[in-house]
Amino acid sequence: MEIRPLISEDREKLQTMLRETRMFHPEEIAVAMELIDIVLKDPNQKDYRIYCAVNGQGHPAGFICFGPIPMTRGAFDLYWIVVDPKYQGRKIGSGLLGFLEEEVRESKGRMILIDTSSIPPYERTRSVYLKKGYQEVARVPDFYWPGNDRITYCKRVR
């Protein structure tokens, strides 16, 4: 699996991918697209990094968005990790997580934080985080809406 930086030709495919996963509400998709547009408009900005896992034809099969957390020394947030439904179950998400960890190490980072939802559709995602060595460090009950907690995972990478 090749992982490369986001390019403008990826924009439409990533938007389609976000919709086709059926995991995200329109407001969430709008936020993801806002971050994609920030990176495409100013590749030199330092807040967000987006990389795509691409298939043999160079088309995105998944993507990851992450960045350093302001006012910390070496902490990074994972904002988005999305795999095209046609490619799920092929370890693309795990590959993107491994890539993230290596990028954070190379950036002299020390930890990665991930916020996610407690609802059943995210169960598979949460199990991947646990298998990859992330630990639940916080839970905010009813954060997103009643019955939908925010769960924060953390992994120290050095």
Foldseek 3Di string as FASTA:
>chain_A
DDKAFDEPVQLVVVLVQVVQVVPDDPVLSVVVSVLVVVCHVCVPDQAKTKMFDADPVRHGQKMWIKHADPPDDQEMETDDTTGRPVCPPVCPSVVNVVVVLVVSVVVVHFKYKYKDKPDPVCPVVVVSCVVVPWDFDDWAAQVVHHPIIITMTMDTSD
